[in-house]
Amino acid sequence: MIKSRGSVLKSIGCRYSSMYTPESIFSEENIKKTVAKFSSMKAIRMIPHQPTKRAGVLIPLCLVDGKVEVLYTLRAANLKSHRGQVSFPGGMQDVTDRNLEETALRETEEELGIEGDDIEIWGSGNVIVTRHETDVTPVIGKIKGEYKSQRLKVNPSEVEDVFTVSLEELCKPENLRYTQFRGVFASMPVFLGGKLRIWGLTALLTHRFLSSLLPHQAYSHNIEHVHPVKSGTSRHTLR
C-alpha cells in the first residue's frame, strides 16, 4: 500500500511529538540515560585557575497542562551580580550544605518557596568554572505533581519573575540561535522560544541538558564559530 505524502508527514510529526511526552521524558530508562550522559560531559573552565566560590543550580523540569517544561527565573534588579538576567534557581554553597545538590535545593526553596521534598533529584553534571570566579555545579530535578505558578512563594529580593518553556518550544529550529563572544569560548547557545531570551551560562546549561535528555532527532542545535574580523567593533553577535 502506497501512503500519501500527507499521511507520511503526519506519521513523522506524531513520532517527533512523542519524543517530548511525559511518558517518554519521565521513563526510568530515559532518566538513567539522561543522568549518565549529563554527568559524563566534560567540565568547562573559562579561567585557568580554580576559584574558591562554589555554587549549585537546579535545572527544574515540571509538568504544565500535560506538557514537560523547563522552569527559569529572572534575577531581581537589585542583586549585586547577574541582575536582570534569566537564570536557574540556585546560588552559593553555604557552610551548612552537605553537598551542591543540597545547595541547589536550599536556594530553590529560598527563591521560590518550593521545598526539597517536592523535588525529585535525578543527578548532577560536571562543573562549569565561570569568568566570575565561580565553580557552578548543575543539578537536574523534577518538580513533583502538576506545576502551578500561583503556589510559588517568590522572594522578590532575589527573583523578579518566573516562567516556564516547553521542551518543544526550546527545540524548535527557529528558536535556536548562538552568540559569538571574543575569547576562548567564542560561541554560546541562545534560546528565543520563551517569555525572555535565554543566553549566557543559563543557555549553556540548557543546551547541555537538552542534549542529554533528548535524542538528536528532537534536539539539534548547531553552534558555529565564525572567525571574527579584526576591525569589528561589536563585542558579540546574535545569529
Protein backbone atom coordinates (compact mmCIF):
# COMPACT_ATOMS: atom_id res chain seq x y z
CA MET A 1 0.00 0.00 0.00
CA ILE A 2 1.39 3.40 -1.04
CA LYS A 3 0.87 6.14 1.54
CA SER A 4 0.19 9.72 0.56
CA ARG A 5 2.79 12.39 1.28
CA GLY A 6 0.41 13.95 3.81
CA SER A 7 -0.02 10.71 5.77
CA VAL A 8 3.75 10.17 5.83
CA LEU A 9 4.38 13.69 7.15
CA LYS A 10 1.64 13.23 9.75
CA SER A 11 3.25 9.97 10.88
CA ILE A 12 6.67 11.63 11.17
CA GLY A 13 5.11 14.50 13.13
CA CYS A 14 3.48 12.11 15.59
CA ARG A 15 6.77 10.30 16.21
CA TYR A 16 8.53 13.67 16.60
CA SER A 17 5.96 14.94 19.12
CA SER A 18 6.07 11.70 21.09
CA MET A 19 9.69 12.42 21.99
CA TYR A 20 8.51 15.25 24.26
CA THR A 21 5.67 13.46 26.08
CA PRO A 22 5.82 12.99 29.87
CA GLU A 23 5.72 9.21 29.34
CA SER A 24 8.87 9.38 27.22
CA ILE A 25 10.74 12.03 29.21
CA PHE A 26 9.99 10.66 32.67
CA SER A 27 10.50 6.98 31.87
CA GLU A 28 13.02 5.22 34.09
CA GLU A 29 15.11 4.33 31.05
CA ASN A 30 15.27 7.95 29.85
CA ILE A 31 16.12 9.28 33.31
CA LYS A 32 19.07 6.87 33.58
CA LYS A 33 20.25 7.74 30.08
CA THR A 34 19.97 11.47 30.75
CA VAL A 35 21.91 11.38 34.01
CA ALA A 36 24.61 9.15 32.54
CA LYS A 37 25.16 11.42 29.54
CA PHE A 38 24.89 14.67 31.52
CA SER A 39 27.35 13.56 34.18
CA SER A 40 29.84 12.35 31.56
CA MET A 41 30.05 15.71 29.78
CA LYS A 42 33.42 17.34 30.29
CA ALA A 43 33.85 20.14 32.80
CA ILE A 44 34.17 23.59 31.25
CA ARG A 45 36.75 26.05 32.56
CA MET A 46 36.60 29.65 31.41
CA ILE A 47 39.53 30.64 33.63
CA PRO A 48 42.76 28.66 34.18
CA HIS A 49 42.77 28.60 38.00
CA GLN A 50 40.40 27.02 40.50
CA PRO A 51 38.04 29.56 42.13
CA THR A 52 37.21 29.50 45.84
CA LYS A 53 33.47 30.14 45.33
CA ARG A 54 31.18 27.16 44.67
CA ALA A 55 27.56 27.25 43.59
CA GLY A 56 24.78 24.79 42.86
CA VAL A 57 21.93 25.47 40.43
CA LEU A 58 18.80 23.43 39.78
CA ILE A 59 17.62 22.67 36.25
CA PRO A 60 13.93 22.13 37.10
CA LEU A 61 11.61 20.10 34.88
CA CYS A 62 7.90 20.46 35.52
CA LEU A 63 4.54 19.39 34.13
CA VAL A 64 2.33 22.21 32.82
CA ASP A 65 -1.04 21.32 31.28
CA GLY A 66 0.27 17.91 30.29
CA LYS A 67 3.49 19.23 28.71
CA VAL A 68 7.03 18.87 30.01
CA GLU A 69 8.55 22.31 30.55
CA VAL A 70 11.72 23.83 32.00
CA LEU A 71 11.46 26.49 34.71
CA TYR A 72 13.52 29.70 34.62
CA THR A 73 13.76 32.77 36.83
CA LEU A 74 14.60 36.40 36.17
CA ARG A 75 17.05 37.68 38.75
CA ALA A 76 15.99 40.80 40.67
CA ALA A 77 17.38 44.15 39.52
CA ASN A 78 18.79 44.96 42.98
CA LEU A 79 21.19 41.99 43.12
CA LYS A 80 24.93 42.67 43.06
CA SER A 81 25.72 40.14 40.33
CA HIS A 82 23.87 38.99 37.18
CA ARG A 83 20.94 41.26 37.98
CA GLY A 84 18.14 41.27 35.45
CA GLN A 85 19.37 38.07 33.80
CA VAL A 86 17.48 34.85 33.10
CA SER A 87 18.75 32.13 35.39
CA PHE A 88 18.04 28.79 37.02
CA PRO A 89 17.23 28.68 40.75
CA GLY A 90 20.42 28.33 42.77
CA GLY A 91 23.25 30.12 44.47
CA MET A 92 26.41 29.94 46.52
CA GLN A 93 27.19 26.98 48.75
CA ASP A 94 26.61 27.56 52.45
CA VAL A 95 28.77 26.04 55.18
CA THR A 96 25.73 24.07 56.35
CA ASP A 97 25.21 22.41 52.93
CA ARG A 98 26.47 18.84 52.79
CA ASN A 99 26.86 18.95 49.02
CA LEU A 100 25.98 21.04 45.94
CA GLU A 101 22.69 19.22 45.41
CA GLU A 102 21.63 20.40 48.86
CA THR A 103 22.76 23.91 47.91
CA ALA A 104 20.56 23.88 44.80
CA LEU A 105 17.54 22.64 46.79
CA ARG A 106 18.02 25.15 49.61
CA GLU A 107 18.38 28.07 47.21
CA THR A 108 15.32 26.95 45.23
CA GLU A 109 13.25 26.95 48.40
CA GLU A 110 14.59 30.37 49.41
CA GLU A 111 13.88 31.87 45.98
CA LEU A 112 10.60 30.16 45.01
CA GLY A 113 9.22 28.50 48.13
CA ILE A 114 9.44 25.01 46.60
CA GLU A 115 10.50 22.62 49.35
CA GLY A 116 13.15 19.98 48.79
CA ASP A 117 10.66 17.16 49.39
CA ASP A 118 8.68 18.42 46.38
CA ILE A 119 11.63 17.97 44.01
CA GLU A 120 12.82 14.64 42.65
CA ILE A 121 16.58 14.89 42.14
CA TRP A 122 17.88 12.96 39.12
CA GLY A 123 21.59 13.70 39.37
CA SER A 124 24.33 16.26 38.80
CA GLY A 125 26.62 17.26 35.96
CA ASN A 126 30.25 18.29 35.82
CA VAL A 127 31.23 21.77 36.89
CA ILE A 128 31.40 24.90 34.80
CA VAL A 129 34.03 27.35 36.07
CA THR A 130 32.85 30.81 35.03
CA ARG A 131 34.70 34.02 34.32
CA HIS A 132 33.13 35.36 37.51
CA GLU A 133 35.41 33.14 39.62
CA THR A 134 32.68 30.63 40.49
CA ASP A 135 32.61 26.84 40.26
CA VAL A 136 28.99 26.01 39.23
CA THR A 137 27.51 22.51 39.58
CA PRO A 138 24.22 21.88 37.68
CA VAL A 139 21.65 19.59 39.29
CA ILE A 140 18.74 18.04 37.37
CA GLY A 141 15.44 17.83 39.23
CA LYS A 142 11.73 17.31 38.57
CA ILE A 143 9.10 19.29 40.43
CA LYS A 144 6.60 16.70 41.66
CA GLY A 145 2.96 16.87 40.61
CA GLU A 146 1.37 19.44 38.31
CA TYR A 147 3.17 22.79 38.35
CA LYS A 148 1.03 25.75 39.46
CA SER A 149 2.71 29.15 39.42
CA GLN A 150 0.25 30.55 41.97
CA ARG A 151 1.58 28.13 44.56
CA LEU A 152 5.04 29.66 44.44
CA LYS A 153 6.26 31.90 47.24
CA VAL A 154 8.61 34.06 45.23
CA ASN A 155 11.24 36.02 47.14
CA PRO A 156 11.10 39.48 45.46
CA SER A 157 14.52 40.46 46.79
CA GLU A 158 16.06 37.70 44.66
CA VAL A 159 13.59 36.93 41.87
CA GLU A 160 11.72 39.38 39.67
CA ASP A 161 9.85 36.86 37.51
CA VAL A 162 9.35 33.12 36.97
CA PHE A 163 8.38 31.46 33.69
CA THR A 164 8.41 28.05 32.03
CA VAL A 165 9.20 27.00 28.47
CA SER A 166 8.06 23.72 26.91
CA LEU A 167 10.63 21.33 25.53
CA GLU A 168 9.06 21.65 22.09
CA GLU A 169 9.46 25.43 22.06
CA LEU A 170 13.05 25.20 23.27
CA CYS A 171 13.87 22.74 20.49
CA LYS A 172 12.20 24.44 17.52
CA PRO A 173 14.90 25.32 14.95
CA GLU A 174 13.55 28.86 14.55
CA ASN A 175 14.13 29.45 18.28
CA LEU A 176 17.76 28.30 18.27
CA ARG A 177 20.48 30.89 17.89
CA TYR A 178 24.00 31.47 19.14
CA THR A 179 26.02 34.43 20.33
CA GLN A 180 29.66 34.81 19.40
CA PHE A 181 31.96 36.32 22.01
CA ARG A 182 35.61 37.20 21.84
CA GLY A 183 37.86 34.94 23.86
CA VAL A 184 38.33 31.23 24.40
CA PHE A 185 34.63 30.31 24.50
CA ALA A 186 33.72 32.21 21.36
CA SER A 187 30.25 30.82 20.59
CA MET A 188 27.42 30.24 23.07
CA PRO A 189 23.85 28.98 22.51
CA VAL A 190 20.82 31.28 22.72
CA PHE A 191 17.14 30.26 23.02
CA LEU A 192 14.32 32.54 21.84
CA GLY A 193 11.26 30.35 22.43
CA GLY A 194 10.23 31.56 25.87
CA LYS A 195 8.95 34.71 27.51
CA LEU A 196 12.51 36.08 27.66
CA ARG A 197 15.68 35.40 25.72
CA ILE A 198 17.83 32.73 27.37
CA TRP A 199 21.57 33.28 26.97
CA GLY A 200 24.90 33.09 28.81
CA LEU A 201 25.57 30.37 31.37
CA THR A 202 21.86 29.51 31.61
CA ALA A 203 21.70 28.85 27.86
CA LEU A 204 24.87 26.77 28.01
CA LEU A 205 23.40 24.61 30.79
CA THR A 206 20.11 24.34 28.88
CA HIS A 207 21.97 23.18 25.77
CA ARG A 208 23.96 20.53 27.63
CA PHE A 209 20.84 19.35 29.44
CA LEU A 210 18.66 19.09 26.31
CA SER A 211 21.48 17.26 24.51
CA SER A 212 21.39 14.68 27.33
CA LEU A 213 17.62 14.50 27.75
CA LEU A 214 16.52 14.18 24.13
CA PRO A 215 17.54 12.19 21.04
CA HIS A 216 19.28 14.03 18.21
CA GLN A 217 16.09 13.99 16.12
CA ALA A 218 14.30 16.02 18.81
CA TYR A 219 17.08 18.47 19.66
CA SER A 220 19.93 19.52 17.42
CA HIS A 221 21.50 22.93 17.98
CA ASN A 222 24.28 23.73 15.54
CA ILE A 223 26.52 26.25 17.30
CA GLU A 224 29.05 27.60 14.85
CA HIS A 225 32.19 29.63 15.29
CA VAL A 226 32.90 32.33 12.74
CA HIS A 227 36.40 33.77 12.80
CA PRO A 228 35.96 37.44 13.76
CA VAL A 229 37.03 40.31 11.55
CA LYS A 230 39.83 42.28 13.21
CA SER A 231 38.15 45.61 12.55
CA GLY A 232 34.88 44.55 14.17
CA THR A 233 33.54 46.82 16.89
CA SER A 234 30.73 44.81 18.46
CA ARG A 235 31.51 42.56 21.39
CA HIS A 236 29.08 39.83 20.35
CA THR A 237 26.70 38.99 17.54
CA LEU A 238 23.40 37.12 17.76
CA ARG A 239 22.89 34.71 14.85
